[in-house]
């Protein structure tokens, strides 16, 4: 079985230190460390981390490319993000959220993970992101919280 490629948006990086999200996030980072999952981040994540608290920045500060596949911004992803905004899936204040989703589609990852349940991991929005992207020739994308991705022992 192929190792899943998992896009982590900025909320997942910050979730490492948030009491509400730390357990599942740290479990996911452990699974990334042992190769059960392949982590993917983007320049959007790195740019958003510039203003994050020092502990969050330090989590990725040391050679993020050694620990994560770093995908570049592309014109294709920007066009898809703009289409999400034009369709009203989220409002214009959520442009970077749309960029995360569009980059994940364009990089053909298996799952996008986020703790942003208002603008990304929300049933109607997931359906809308997928519907528009599939109409444009992309395959459907799983959009989940880290809790839904980590391995649980039976």
N, C-alpha and C. Protein backbone atom coordinates (compact mmCIF):
# COMPACT_ATOMS: atom_id res chain seq x y z
N UNK A 1 0.84 -1.18 0.00
CA UNK A 1 0.00 0.00 0.00
C UNK A 1 0.88 1.25 0.00
N UNK A 2 0.51 2.22 -0.81
CA UNK A 2 1.25 3.46 -0.93
C UNK A 2 1.08 4.33 0.33
N UNK A 3 2.15 4.99 0.74
CA UNK A 3 2.09 5.88 1.90
C UNK A 3 1.31 7.14 1.54
N UNK A 4 0.29 7.48 2.31
CA UNK A 4 -0.52 8.67 2.00
C UNK A 4 0.28 9.97 2.14
N UNK A 5 0.07 10.87 1.18
CA UNK A 5 0.63 12.22 1.25
C UNK A 5 -0.42 13.12 1.88
N UNK A 6 -0.03 13.79 2.97
CA UNK A 6 -0.96 14.57 3.78
C UNK A 6 -0.53 16.04 3.79
N UNK A 7 -1.40 16.91 3.27
CA UNK A 7 -1.13 18.35 3.33
C UNK A 7 -1.53 18.84 4.71
N UNK A 8 -0.64 19.55 5.37
CA UNK A 8 -0.91 20.15 6.68
C UNK A 8 -1.06 21.65 6.48
N UNK A 9 -2.22 22.19 6.81
CA UNK A 9 -2.33 23.64 6.74
C UNK A 9 -1.77 24.23 8.03
N UNK A 10 -1.72 25.53 8.11
CA UNK A 10 -1.07 26.20 9.23
C UNK A 10 -1.74 25.90 10.57
N UNK A 11 -3.04 25.68 10.57
CA UNK A 11 -3.73 25.39 11.82
C UNK A 11 -3.23 24.08 12.45
N UNK A 12 -2.79 23.15 11.63
CA UNK A 12 -2.27 21.88 12.16
C UNK A 12 -0.92 22.11 12.82
N UNK A 13 -0.09 22.95 12.23
CA UNK A 13 1.21 23.26 12.84
C UNK A 13 0.97 23.92 14.19
N UNK A 14 0.08 24.89 14.24
CA UNK A 14 -0.24 25.56 15.50
C UNK A 14 -0.91 24.64 16.49
N UNK A 15 -1.66 23.65 15.99
CA UNK A 15 -2.35 22.70 16.87
C UNK A 15 -1.41 21.86 17.71
N UNK A 16 -0.17 21.78 17.31
CA UNK A 16 0.84 21.02 18.07
C UNK A 16 0.96 21.56 19.50
N UNK A 17 0.71 22.86 19.67
CA UNK A 17 0.87 23.50 20.98
C UNK A 17 -0.45 23.91 21.61
N UNK A 18 -1.56 23.62 20.97
CA UNK A 18 -2.87 24.01 21.48
C UNK A 18 -3.44 22.86 22.31
N UNK A 19 -3.77 23.10 23.57
CA UNK A 19 -4.26 22.00 24.42
C UNK A 19 -5.44 21.23 23.82
N UNK A 20 -6.30 21.92 23.10
CA UNK A 20 -7.46 21.25 22.50
C UNK A 20 -7.07 20.28 21.39
N UNK A 21 -6.01 20.58 20.67
CA UNK A 21 -5.65 19.81 19.48
C UNK A 21 -4.32 19.07 19.58
N UNK A 22 -3.58 19.28 20.67
CA UNK A 22 -2.20 18.77 20.76
C UNK A 22 -2.10 17.26 20.66
N UNK A 23 -2.96 16.51 21.33
CA UNK A 23 -2.82 15.05 21.33
C UNK A 23 -2.87 14.47 19.92
N UNK A 24 -3.90 14.79 19.17
CA UNK A 24 -4.04 14.25 17.82
C UNK A 24 -2.96 14.80 16.90
N UNK A 25 -2.63 16.08 17.05
CA UNK A 25 -1.60 16.68 16.20
C UNK A 25 -0.25 16.03 16.45
N UNK A 26 0.10 15.84 17.70
CA UNK A 26 1.40 15.23 18.03
C UNK A 26 1.45 13.78 17.57
N UNK A 27 0.33 13.08 17.66
CA UNK A 27 0.27 11.70 17.14
C UNK A 27 0.52 11.70 15.64
N UNK A 28 -0.08 12.67 14.94
CA UNK A 28 0.12 12.74 13.49
C UNK A 28 1.58 13.06 13.18
N UNK A 29 2.21 13.96 13.93
CA UNK A 29 3.63 14.26 13.72
C UNK A 29 4.49 13.02 13.98
N UNK A 30 4.11 12.21 14.97
CA UNK A 30 4.84 10.95 15.22
C UNK A 30 4.71 10.02 14.02
N UNK A 31 3.54 9.94 13.45
CA UNK A 31 3.34 9.08 12.29
C UNK A 31 4.09 9.60 11.07
N UNK A 32 4.21 10.91 10.97
CA UNK A 32 5.04 11.49 9.91
C UNK A 32 6.51 11.12 10.12
N UNK A 33 6.95 11.18 11.37
CA UNK A 33 8.36 10.92 11.69
C UNK A 33 8.77 9.49 11.36
N UNK A 34 7.85 8.54 11.51
CA UNK A 34 8.19 7.14 11.23
C UNK A 34 7.84 6.71 9.81
N UNK A 35 7.32 7.65 9.01
CA UNK A 35 7.05 7.35 7.61
C UNK A 35 5.72 6.70 7.32
N UNK A 36 4.82 6.66 8.29
CA UNK A 36 3.48 6.13 8.03
C UNK A 36 2.68 7.09 7.15
N UNK A 37 3.01 8.37 7.24
CA UNK A 37 2.41 9.43 6.43
C UNK A 37 3.54 10.27 5.85
N UNK A 38 3.28 10.89 4.70
CA UNK A 38 4.22 11.83 4.11
C UNK A 38 3.63 13.22 4.25
N UNK A 39 4.32 14.10 4.95
CA UNK A 39 3.84 15.45 5.17
C UNK A 39 4.13 16.37 4.01
N UNK A 40 3.14 17.19 3.67
CA UNK A 40 3.27 18.16 2.59
C UNK A 40 2.83 19.51 3.13
N UNK A 41 3.66 20.53 2.92
CA UNK A 41 3.30 21.90 3.28
C UNK A 41 3.57 22.78 2.06
N UNK A 42 3.18 24.03 2.16
CA UNK A 42 3.35 24.95 1.04
C UNK A 42 4.00 26.24 1.51
N UNK A 43 4.34 27.05 0.53
CA UNK A 43 4.84 28.38 0.83
C UNK A 43 3.81 29.21 1.58
N UNK A 44 2.53 28.94 1.38
CA UNK A 44 1.49 29.65 2.13
C UNK A 44 1.63 29.35 3.62
N UNK A 45 1.87 28.08 3.95
CA UNK A 45 2.08 27.71 5.35
C UNK A 45 3.29 28.46 5.91
N UNK A 46 4.40 28.40 5.19
CA UNK A 46 5.63 29.05 5.67
C UNK A 46 5.42 30.55 5.83
N UNK A 47 4.69 31.18 4.92
CA UNK A 47 4.42 32.62 5.02
C UNK A 47 3.53 32.93 6.22
N UNK A 48 2.51 32.12 6.46
CA UNK A 48 1.62 32.35 7.61
C UNK A 48 2.36 32.15 8.92
N UNK A 49 3.37 31.30 8.94
CA UNK A 49 4.11 31.05 10.18
C UNK A 49 5.02 32.21 10.57
N UNK A 50 5.27 33.13 9.65
CA UNK A 50 6.13 34.28 9.96
C UNK A 50 5.59 35.04 11.17
N UNK A 51 4.27 35.12 11.31
CA UNK A 51 3.66 35.86 12.42
C UNK A 51 3.21 34.97 13.57
N UNK A 52 3.54 33.70 13.53
CA UNK A 52 3.13 32.76 14.58
C UNK A 52 4.02 32.92 15.81
N UNK A 53 3.56 32.42 16.96
CA UNK A 53 4.40 32.44 18.16
C UNK A 53 5.72 31.69 17.90
N UNK A 54 6.77 32.05 18.62
CA UNK A 54 8.08 31.43 18.38
C UNK A 54 8.08 29.90 18.45
N UNK A 55 7.37 29.31 19.39
CA UNK A 55 7.37 27.85 19.50
C UNK A 55 6.80 27.19 18.24
N UNK A 56 5.79 27.82 17.65
CA UNK A 56 5.17 27.28 16.43
C UNK A 56 6.15 27.43 15.27
N UNK A 57 6.77 28.59 15.14
CA UNK A 57 7.75 28.80 14.07
C UNK A 57 8.90 27.80 14.18
N UNK A 58 9.37 27.57 15.40
CA UNK A 58 10.51 26.68 15.61
C UNK A 58 10.20 25.24 15.24
N UNK A 59 8.94 24.86 15.27
CA UNK A 59 8.56 23.50 14.91
C UNK A 59 8.97 23.18 13.48
N UNK A 60 8.95 24.18 12.60
CA UNK A 60 9.33 23.97 11.21
C UNK A 60 10.59 24.72 10.81
N UNK A 61 11.18 25.46 11.73
CA UNK A 61 12.30 26.33 11.39
C UNK A 61 13.51 25.59 10.83
N UNK A 62 13.82 24.45 11.36
CA UNK A 62 15.02 23.74 10.94
C UNK A 62 14.71 22.91 9.70
N UNK A 63 15.10 23.41 8.54
CA UNK A 63 14.98 22.70 7.26
C UNK A 63 13.63 22.01 7.06
N UNK A 64 12.55 22.75 6.89
CA UNK A 64 11.26 22.08 6.69
C UNK A 64 11.27 21.14 5.49
N UNK A 65 12.12 21.42 4.49
CA UNK A 65 12.21 20.56 3.32
C UNK A 65 12.80 19.20 3.62
N UNK A 66 13.49 19.07 4.76
CA UNK A 66 14.02 17.77 5.16
C UNK A 66 12.95 16.89 5.78
N UNK A 67 11.94 17.53 6.37
CA UNK A 67 10.89 16.79 7.06
C UNK A 67 9.58 16.73 6.29
N UNK A 68 9.39 17.69 5.39
CA UNK A 68 8.15 17.80 4.64
C UNK A 68 8.45 18.04 3.18
N UNK A 69 7.57 17.58 2.34
CA UNK A 69 7.61 17.98 0.94
C UNK A 69 7.04 19.39 0.90
N UNK A 70 7.78 20.33 0.37
CA UNK A 70 7.32 21.72 0.28
C UNK A 70 6.91 21.98 -1.16
N UNK A 71 5.62 22.26 -1.35
CA UNK A 71 5.12 22.49 -2.71
C UNK A 71 5.07 23.98 -3.01
N UNK A 72 5.42 24.34 -4.22
CA UNK A 72 5.43 25.76 -4.58
C UNK A 72 4.04 26.25 -4.98
N UNK A 73 3.86 27.54 -4.87
CA UNK A 73 2.65 28.17 -5.40
C UNK A 73 2.72 28.07 -6.92
N UNK A 74 1.58 27.86 -7.54
CA UNK A 74 1.53 27.78 -9.00
C UNK A 74 0.39 28.65 -9.50
N UNK A 75 0.47 29.00 -10.75
CA UNK A 75 -0.62 29.77 -11.37
C UNK A 75 -1.91 28.94 -11.36
N UNK A 76 -1.76 27.63 -11.60
CA UNK A 76 -2.93 26.74 -11.59
C UNK A 76 -3.63 26.76 -10.23
N UNK A 77 -2.86 26.72 -9.15
CA UNK A 77 -3.45 26.74 -7.81
C UNK A 77 -4.09 28.10 -7.52
N UNK A 78 -3.45 29.17 -7.94
CA UNK A 78 -4.02 30.50 -7.71
C UNK A 78 -5.34 30.65 -8.47
N UNK A 79 -5.39 30.14 -9.69
CA UNK A 79 -6.63 30.19 -10.48
C UNK A 79 -7.74 29.39 -9.80
N UNK A 80 -7.40 28.22 -9.27
CA UNK A 80 -8.39 27.40 -8.58
C UNK A 80 -8.86 28.09 -7.30
N UNK A 81 -7.94 28.67 -6.55
CA UNK A 81 -8.31 29.40 -5.33
C UNK A 81 -9.26 30.56 -5.66
N UNK A 82 -8.96 31.27 -6.72
CA UNK A 82 -9.83 32.37 -7.14
C UNK A 82 -11.22 31.86 -7.54
N UNK A 83 -11.26 30.68 -8.15
CA UNK A 83 -12.56 30.09 -8.52
C UNK A 83 -13.36 29.73 -7.27
N UNK A 84 -12.68 29.22 -6.23
CA UNK A 84 -13.37 28.92 -4.97
C UNK A 84 -13.99 30.19 -4.40
N UNK A 85 -13.22 31.29 -4.43
CA UNK A 85 -13.71 32.56 -3.91
C UNK A 85 -14.87 33.09 -4.76
N UNK A 86 -14.72 33.02 -6.06
CA UNK A 86 -15.76 33.51 -6.97
C UNK A 86 -17.06 32.72 -6.80
N UNK A 87 -16.94 31.45 -6.47
CA UNK A 87 -18.12 30.60 -6.26
C UNK A 87 -18.78 30.87 -4.91
N UNK A 88 -18.12 31.65 -4.06
CA UNK A 88 -18.68 31.97 -2.75
C UNK A 88 -18.59 30.84 -1.75
N UNK A 89 -17.66 29.92 -1.96
CA UNK A 89 -17.51 28.82 -0.99
C UNK A 89 -17.12 29.38 0.37
N UNK A 90 -16.26 30.37 0.36
CA UNK A 90 -15.92 31.16 1.55
C UNK A 90 -15.81 32.61 1.11
N UNK A 91 -15.76 33.51 2.06
CA UNK A 91 -15.66 34.93 1.73
C UNK A 91 -14.24 35.35 1.39
N UNK A 92 -14.09 36.56 0.87
CA UNK A 92 -12.77 37.04 0.43
C UNK A 92 -11.73 37.11 1.55
N UNK A 93 -12.17 37.20 2.80
CA UNK A 93 -11.23 37.22 3.92
C UNK A 93 -10.55 35.87 4.12
N UNK A 94 -11.01 34.85 3.41
CA UNK A 94 -10.49 33.48 3.55
C UNK A 94 -9.66 33.07 2.33
N UNK A 95 -9.04 34.03 1.68
CA UNK A 95 -8.28 33.73 0.46
C UNK A 95 -7.17 32.71 0.72
N UNK A 96 -6.46 32.84 1.84
CA UNK A 96 -5.38 31.88 2.11
C UNK A 96 -5.93 30.48 2.39
N UNK A 97 -7.11 30.39 2.99
CA UNK A 97 -7.74 29.07 3.17
C UNK A 97 -7.98 28.44 1.81
N UNK A 98 -8.46 29.23 0.86
CA UNK A 98 -8.68 28.72 -0.50
C UNK A 98 -7.37 28.32 -1.15
N UNK A 99 -6.32 29.06 -0.87
CA UNK A 99 -5.00 28.70 -1.43
C UNK A 99 -4.54 27.36 -0.89
N UNK A 100 -4.72 27.13 0.40
CA UNK A 100 -4.34 25.82 0.97
C UNK A 100 -5.07 24.69 0.24
N UNK A 101 -6.37 24.85 0.10
CA UNK A 101 -7.18 23.80 -0.54
C UNK A 101 -6.76 23.63 -2.00
N UNK A 102 -6.59 24.73 -2.71
CA UNK A 102 -6.21 24.65 -4.12
C UNK A 102 -4.83 24.02 -4.29
N UNK A 103 -3.89 24.37 -3.44
CA UNK A 103 -2.55 23.78 -3.52
C UNK A 103 -2.61 22.27 -3.28
N UNK A 104 -3.45 21.86 -2.34
CA UNK A 104 -3.59 20.42 -2.07
C UNK A 104 -4.17 19.70 -3.29
N UNK A 105 -5.16 20.27 -3.92
CA UNK A 105 -5.71 19.68 -5.15
C UNK A 105 -4.63 19.59 -6.22
N UNK A 106 -3.93 20.69 -6.46
CA UNK A 106 -2.94 20.75 -7.54
C UNK A 106 -1.75 19.84 -7.28
N UNK A 107 -1.40 19.62 -6.02
CA UNK A 107 -0.29 18.73 -5.68
C UNK A 107 -0.73 17.27 -5.63
N UNK A 108 -2.02 17.04 -5.84
CA UNK A 108 -2.56 15.69 -5.88
C UNK A 108 -2.28 14.91 -4.58
N UNK A 109 -2.42 15.61 -3.45
CA UNK A 109 -2.24 14.92 -2.17
C UNK A 109 -3.45 14.03 -1.91
N UNK A 110 -3.30 13.13 -0.97
CA UNK A 110 -4.40 12.22 -0.63
C UNK A 110 -5.40 12.86 0.34
N UNK A 111 -4.85 13.62 1.29
CA UNK A 111 -5.70 14.21 2.33
C UNK A 111 -5.16 15.60 2.67
N UNK A 112 -6.06 16.56 2.83
CA UNK A 112 -5.70 17.85 3.41
C UNK A 112 -6.14 17.79 4.86
N UNK A 113 -5.23 18.11 5.79
CA UNK A 113 -5.61 18.16 7.20
C UNK A 113 -5.64 19.60 7.68
N UNK A 114 -6.62 19.88 8.51
CA UNK A 114 -6.79 21.23 9.04
C UNK A 114 -7.60 21.15 10.33
N UNK A 115 -7.36 22.10 11.21
CA UNK A 115 -8.22 22.28 12.38
C UNK A 115 -9.21 23.42 12.14
N UNK A 116 -9.20 23.98 10.94
CA UNK A 116 -10.09 25.09 10.61
C UNK A 116 -11.45 24.51 10.19
N UNK A 117 -12.28 24.28 11.19
CA UNK A 117 -13.59 23.67 10.94
C UNK A 117 -14.64 24.69 10.52
N UNK A 118 -14.32 25.92 10.53
CA UNK A 118 -15.26 26.95 10.08
C UNK A 118 -15.15 27.15 8.56
N UNK A 119 -13.92 27.20 8.04
CA UNK A 119 -13.74 27.55 6.63
C UNK A 119 -13.26 26.42 5.74
N UNK A 120 -12.74 25.33 6.32
CA UNK A 120 -12.20 24.27 5.48
C UNK A 120 -12.85 22.92 5.79
N UNK A 121 -12.71 22.43 7.01
CA UNK A 121 -13.22 21.09 7.36
C UNK A 121 -14.67 21.24 7.84
N UNK A 122 -15.55 21.46 6.89
CA UNK A 122 -16.96 21.64 7.17
C UNK A 122 -17.71 21.00 6.00
N UNK A 123 -18.66 20.15 6.30
CA UNK A 123 -19.31 19.29 5.31
C UNK A 123 -19.70 20.00 4.02
N UNK A 124 -20.45 21.08 4.11
CA UNK A 124 -20.92 21.76 2.90
C UNK A 124 -19.78 22.38 2.10
N UNK A 125 -18.79 22.91 2.81
CA UNK A 125 -17.64 23.49 2.11
C UNK A 125 -16.82 22.41 1.43
N UNK A 126 -16.61 21.28 2.10
CA UNK A 126 -15.86 20.17 1.50
C UNK A 126 -16.54 19.74 0.21
N UNK A 127 -17.84 19.58 0.26
CA UNK A 127 -18.60 19.19 -0.95
C UNK A 127 -18.43 20.23 -2.06
N UNK A 128 -18.48 21.51 -1.69
CA UNK A 128 -18.36 22.57 -2.69
C UNK A 128 -16.95 22.63 -3.27
N UNK A 129 -15.92 22.54 -2.42
CA UNK A 129 -14.53 22.52 -2.92
C UNK A 129 -14.37 21.36 -3.91
N UNK A 130 -14.82 20.19 -3.51
CA UNK A 130 -14.67 19.01 -4.37
C UNK A 130 -15.46 19.14 -5.66
N UNK A 131 -16.70 19.62 -5.59
CA UNK A 131 -17.52 19.74 -6.78
C UNK A 131 -16.87 20.65 -7.82
N UNK A 132 -16.41 21.81 -7.37
CA UNK A 132 -15.80 22.75 -8.30
C UNK A 132 -14.49 22.19 -8.86
N UNK A 133 -13.68 21.60 -8.01
CA UNK A 133 -12.39 21.07 -8.46
C UNK A 133 -12.57 19.89 -9.42
N UNK A 134 -13.50 19.01 -9.13
CA UNK A 134 -13.75 17.87 -10.01
C UNK A 134 -14.23 18.35 -11.37
N UNK A 135 -15.08 19.37 -11.40
CA UNK A 135 -15.52 19.95 -12.67
C UNK A 135 -14.34 20.49 -13.49
N UNK A 136 -13.27 20.86 -12.80
CA UNK A 136 -12.08 21.40 -13.46
C UNK A 136 -11.03 20.32 -13.73
N UNK A 137 -11.39 19.05 -13.49
CA UNK A 137 -10.50 17.95 -13.86
C UNK A 137 -9.64 17.37 -12.76
N UNK A 138 -9.82 17.82 -11.53
CA UNK A 138 -9.06 17.27 -10.41
C UNK A 138 -9.82 16.09 -9.82
N UNK A 139 -9.09 15.23 -9.12
CA UNK A 139 -9.78 14.15 -8.40
C UNK A 139 -10.24 14.69 -7.05
N UNK A 140 -11.27 14.08 -6.51
CA UNK A 140 -11.81 14.51 -5.22
C UNK A 140 -10.73 14.40 -4.15
N UNK A 141 -10.82 15.27 -3.16
CA UNK A 141 -9.83 15.38 -2.10
C UNK A 141 -10.49 15.09 -0.76
N UNK A 142 -9.86 14.23 0.03
CA UNK A 142 -10.30 14.03 1.41
C UNK A 142 -9.84 15.24 2.22
N UNK A 143 -10.74 15.85 2.96
CA UNK A 143 -10.43 16.98 3.81
C UNK A 143 -10.86 16.59 5.22
N UNK A 144 -9.90 16.48 6.12
CA UNK A 144 -10.14 15.92 7.45
C UNK A 144 -9.35 16.66 8.52
N UNK A 145 -9.75 16.47 9.77
CA UNK A 145 -8.93 16.92 10.90
C UNK A 145 -7.89 15.84 11.17
N UNK A 146 -6.80 16.19 11.85
CA UNK A 146 -5.83 15.16 12.22
C UNK A 146 -6.44 13.99 13.01
N UNK A 147 -7.46 14.25 13.81
CA UNK A 147 -8.11 13.17 14.57
C UNK A 147 -8.65 12.07 13.66
N UNK A 148 -9.04 12.45 12.45
CA UNK A 148 -9.62 11.50 11.51
C UNK A 148 -8.56 10.79 10.68
N UNK A 149 -7.31 11.20 10.80
CA UNK A 149 -6.24 10.65 9.99
C UNK A 149 -5.31 9.72 10.77
N UNK A 150 -5.14 10.01 12.05
CA UNK A 150 -4.18 9.23 12.83
C UNK A 150 -4.64 7.80 13.03
N UNK A 151 -3.66 6.95 13.29
CA UNK A 151 -3.92 5.53 13.50
C UNK A 151 -4.26 5.29 14.97
N UNK A 152 -5.33 4.57 15.18
CA UNK A 152 -5.74 4.20 16.54
C UNK A 152 -5.50 2.70 16.72
N UNK A 153 -4.88 2.34 17.82
CA UNK A 153 -4.67 0.93 18.13
C UNK A 153 -6.01 0.30 18.52
N UNK A 154 -6.23 -0.92 18.05
CA UNK A 154 -7.47 -1.63 18.41
C UNK A 154 -7.35 -2.27 19.78
